[in-house]
C-alpha atoms as a PDB file:
ATOM      1  CA  UNK A   1      64.412 -28.229 -26.519  1.00  0.00           C
ATOM      2  CA  UNK A   2      60.950 -27.205 -25.490  1.00  0.00           C
ATOM      3  CA  UNK A   3      59.468 -25.228 -22.465  1.00  0.00           C
ATOM      4  CA  UNK A   4      58.479 -28.065 -20.520  1.00  0.00           C
ATOM      5  CA  UNK A   5      62.187 -29.394 -20.464  1.00  0.00           C
ATOM      6  CA  UNK A   6      63.388 -25.921 -19.434  1.00  0.00           C
ATOM      7  CA  UNK A   7      60.702 -25.685 -16.776  1.00  0.00           C
ATOM      8  CA  UNK A   8      61.612 -29.063 -15.229  1.00  0.00           C
ATOM      9  CA  UNK A   9      65.200 -28.113 -14.979  1.00  0.00           C
ATOM     10  CA  UNK A  10      64.528 -24.473 -13.898  1.00  0.00           C
ATOM     11  CA  UNK A  11      61.237 -24.143 -12.002  1.00  0.00           C
ATOM     12  CA  UNK A  12      61.506 -20.648 -10.836  1.00  0.00           C
ATOM     13  CA  UNK A  13      62.563 -19.373 -14.297  1.00  0.00           C
ATOM     14  CA  UNK A  14      61.003 -15.907 -15.637  1.00  0.00           C
ATOM     15  CA  UNK A  15      59.484 -15.532 -18.925  1.00  0.00           C
ATOM     16  CA  UNK A  16      62.228 -13.268 -20.405  1.00  0.00           C
ATOM     17  CA  UNK A  17      64.758 -15.827 -19.274  1.00  0.00           C
ATOM     18  CA  UNK A  18      62.881 -18.632 -20.824  1.00  0.00           C
ATOM     19  CA  UNK A  19      62.557 -16.789 -24.056  1.00  0.00           C
ATOM     20  CA  UNK A  20      66.160 -16.074 -24.126  1.00  0.00           C
ATOM     21  CA  UNK A  21      66.826 -19.719 -23.716  1.00  0.00           C
ATOM     22  CA  UNK A  22      64.692 -20.885 -26.407  1.00  0.00           C
ATOM     23  CA  UNK A  23      65.995 -18.430 -28.719  1.00  0.00           C
ATOM     24  CA  UNK A  24      69.525 -19.240 -27.918  1.00  0.00           C
ATOM     25  CA  UNK A  25      69.121 -23.202 -28.256  1.00  0.00           C
ATOM     26  CA  UNK A  26      66.679 -23.004 -31.305  1.00  0.00           C
ATOM     27  CA  UNK A  27      69.534 -23.798 -33.894  1.00  0.00           C
ATOM     28  CA  UNK A  28      71.438 -26.139 -31.761  1.00  0.00           C
ATOM     29  CA  UNK A  29      71.642 -29.941 -32.137  1.00  0.00           C
ATOM     30  CA  UNK A  30      70.243 -32.191 -29.441  1.00  0.00           C
ATOM     31  CA  UNK A  31      73.825 -32.811 -27.846  1.00  0.00           C
ATOM     32  CA  UNK A  32      74.613 -29.028 -28.208  1.00  0.00           C
ATOM     33  CA  UNK A  33      71.275 -28.405 -26.245  1.00  0.00           C
ATOM     34  CA  UNK A  34      71.972 -30.992 -23.589  1.00  0.00           C
ATOM     35  CA  UNK A  35      75.395 -29.586 -22.851  1.00  0.00           C
ATOM     36  CA  UNK A  36      74.183 -26.042 -22.864  1.00  0.00           C
ATOM     37  CA  UNK A  37      71.562 -26.984 -20.277  1.00  0.00           C
ATOM     38  CA  UNK A  38      74.162 -28.893 -18.025  1.00  0.00           C
ATOM     39  CA  UNK A  39      76.552 -25.973 -18.133  1.00  0.00           C
ATOM     40  CA  UNK A  40      74.024 -23.128 -17.641  1.00  0.00           C
ATOM     41  CA  UNK A  41      72.558 -25.022 -14.589  1.00  0.00           C
ATOM     42  CA  UNK A  42      75.734 -24.689 -13.034  1.00  0.00           C
ATOM     43  CA  UNK A  43      76.307 -20.869 -13.791  1.00  0.00           C
ATOM     44  CA  UNK A  44      72.605 -19.751 -13.216  1.00  0.00           C
ATOM     45  CA  UNK A  45      71.980 -17.959  -9.886  1.00  0.00           C
ATOM     46  CA  UNK A  46      68.717 -18.216  -7.998  1.00  0.00           C
ATOM     47  CA  UNK A  47      67.055 -14.927  -7.155  1.00  0.00           C
ATOM     48  CA  UNK A  48      66.394 -15.795  -3.722  1.00  0.00           C
ATOM     49  CA  UNK A  49      69.815 -16.734  -2.828  1.00  0.00           C
ATOM     50  CA  UNK A  50      71.008 -13.365  -4.368  1.00  0.00           C
ATOM     51  CA  UNK A  51      68.458 -11.631  -2.047  1.00  0.00           C
ATOM     52  CA  UNK A  52      70.126 -13.327   0.785  1.00  0.00           C
ATOM     53  CA  UNK A  53      73.552 -12.240  -0.374  1.00  0.00           C
ATOM     54  CA  UNK A  54      72.294  -8.630  -0.817  1.00  0.00           C
ATOM     55  CA  UNK A  55      70.596  -8.659   2.618  1.00  0.00           C
ATOM     56  CA  UNK A  56      74.035  -9.755   4.304  1.00  0.00           C
ATOM     57  CA  UNK A  57      74.841  -5.892   3.520  1.00  0.00           C
ATOM     58  CA  UNK A  58      72.802  -4.987   6.620  1.00  0.00           C
ATOM     59  CA  UNK A  59      74.791  -7.096   8.912  1.00  0.00           C
ATOM     60  CA  UNK A  60      78.360  -5.848   7.800  1.00  0.00           C
ATOM     61  CA  UNK A  61      79.167  -7.997   4.842  1.00  0.00           C
ATOM     62  CA  UNK A  62      77.941  -5.739   1.912  1.00  0.00           C
ATOM     63  CA  UNK A  63      78.676  -6.301  -1.730  1.00  0.00           C
ATOM     64  CA  UNK A  64      78.934 -10.184  -2.034  1.00  0.00           C
ATOM     65  CA  UNK A  65      75.825 -10.194  -4.522  1.00  0.00           C
ATOM     66  CA  UNK A  66      77.873  -7.803  -6.586  1.00  0.00           C
ATOM     67  CA  UNK A  67      81.079  -9.717  -6.526  1.00  0.00           C
ATOM     68  CA  UNK A  68      79.014 -12.863  -7.396  1.00  0.00           C
ATOM     69  CA  UNK A  69      77.397 -11.130 -10.483  1.00  0.00           C
ATOM     70  CA  UNK A  70      80.966 -10.120 -11.720  1.00  0.00           C
ATOM     71  CA  UNK A  71      80.931  -6.567 -10.611  1.00  0.00           C
ATOM     72  CA  UNK A  72      83.950  -6.908  -8.484  1.00  0.00           C
ATOM     73  CA  UNK A  73      84.941  -3.409  -8.335  1.00  0.00           C
ATOM     74  CA  UNK A  74      81.570  -2.312  -6.942  1.00  0.00           C
ATOM     75  CA  UNK A  75      81.535  -5.258  -4.622  1.00  0.00           C
ATOM     76  CA  UNK A  76      84.725  -4.122  -2.971  1.00  0.00           C
ATOM     77  CA  UNK A  77      83.353  -0.720  -2.905  1.00  0.00           C
ATOM     78  CA  UNK A  78      80.205  -1.811  -1.184  1.00  0.00           C
ATOM     79  CA  UNK A  79      82.388  -3.872   1.257  1.00  0.00           C
ATOM     80  CA  UNK A  80      84.459  -0.893   2.482  1.00  0.00           C
ATOM     81  CA  UNK A  81      81.793   1.677   2.536  1.00  0.00           C
ATOM     82  CA  UNK A  82      79.060  -0.457   4.212  1.00  0.00           C
ATOM     83  CA  UNK A  83      77.048  -0.811   0.941  1.00  0.00           C
ATOM     84  CA  UNK A  84      77.450   2.978   0.144  1.00  0.00           C
ATOM     85  CA  UNK A  85      76.011   3.960   3.626  1.00  0.00           C
ATOM     86  CA  UNK A  86      73.291   1.167   2.766  1.00  0.00           C
ATOM     87  CA  UNK A  87      71.850   3.366  -0.007  1.00  0.00           C
ATOM     88  CA  UNK A  88      73.447   1.105  -2.557  1.00  0.00           C
ATOM     89  CA  UNK A  89      72.396  -1.961  -0.649  1.00  0.00           C
ATOM     90  CA  UNK A  90      68.759  -0.731  -0.514  1.00  0.00           C
ATOM     91  CA  UNK A  91      68.786   0.142  -4.386  1.00  0.00           C
ATOM     92  CA  UNK A  92      70.036  -3.310  -4.960  1.00  0.00           C
ATOM     93  CA  UNK A  93      67.369  -4.831  -2.908  1.00  0.00           C
ATOM     94  CA  UNK A  94      64.743  -3.121  -4.915  1.00  0.00           C
ATOM     95  CA  UNK A  95      66.527  -4.027  -8.249  1.00  0.00           C
ATOM     96  CA  UNK A  96      67.686  -7.593  -7.301  1.00  0.00           C
ATOM     97  CA  UNK A  97      65.379  -9.308  -9.924  1.00  0.00           C
ATOM     98  CA  UNK A  98      66.809  -7.210 -12.681  1.00  0.00           C
ATOM     99  CA  UNK A  99      70.186  -7.853 -11.385  1.00  0.00           C
ATOM    100  CA  UNK A 100      69.777 -11.592 -11.234  1.00  0.00           C
ATOM    101  CA  UNK A 101      68.077 -11.648 -14.695  1.00  0.00           C
ATOM    102  CA  UNK A 102      71.044  -9.561 -16.392  1.00  0.00           C
ATOM    103  CA  UNK A 103      73.574 -12.026 -14.885  1.00  0.00           C
ATOM    104  CA  UNK A 104      71.683 -15.026 -15.892  1.00  0.00           C
ATOM    105  CA  UNK A 105      70.985 -13.703 -19.501  1.00  0.00           C
ATOM    106  CA  UNK A 106      74.691 -12.961 -19.774  1.00  0.00           C
ATOM    107  CA  UNK A 107      75.621 -16.546 -18.561  1.00  0.00           C
ATOM    108  CA  UNK A 108      73.290 -18.115 -20.885  1.00  0.00           C
ATOM    109  CA  UNK A 109      74.917 -16.276 -23.925  1.00  0.00           C
ATOM    110  CA  UNK A 110      78.479 -17.334 -22.661  1.00  0.00           C
ATOM    111  CA  UNK A 111      77.226 -20.726 -22.234  1.00  0.00           C
ATOM    112  CA  UNK A 112      75.664 -20.761 -25.726  1.00  0.00           C
ATOM    113  CA  UNK A 113      78.948 -19.833 -27.334  1.00  0.00           C
ATOM    114  CA  UNK A 114      80.672 -22.389 -25.419  1.00  0.00           C
ATOM    115  CA  UNK A 115      78.285 -25.330 -26.211  1.00  0.00           C
ATOM    116  CA  UNK A 116      78.328 -24.418 -30.041  1.00  0.00           C
ATOM    117  CA  UNK A 117      82.121 -24.082 -29.971  1.00  0.00           C
ATOM    118  CA  UNK A 118      82.720 -27.381 -28.518  1.00  0.00           C
ATOM    119  CA  UNK A 119      80.548 -29.309 -30.802  1.00  0.00           C
ATOM    120  CA  UNK A 120      81.206 -27.560 -34.149  1.00  0.00           C
END
């Protein structure tokens, strides 16, 4: 797998995420790489969509972005406290790039483990 193939599938990918994907797939077979890309494409979250979910916190539905990223407890806390009185929502809006990147990297590692386990 090369950078061009990754850029075609994920045009909005950041450098750090691409480096992680290239590192994860460097020792995979072609079939494992294709499986990895298909599964990862379904799990990956777009930063713009996560930003929209975080902005919903200002209209009374706070915490959806946290639930999507797997922080279910924090998401429920945000929901019942109006995003910790909007302070948590504002902090998350500032850090939405890092939140999305951390989630995508975590999903990439899980997907790599799955792809290599299936085709051993």
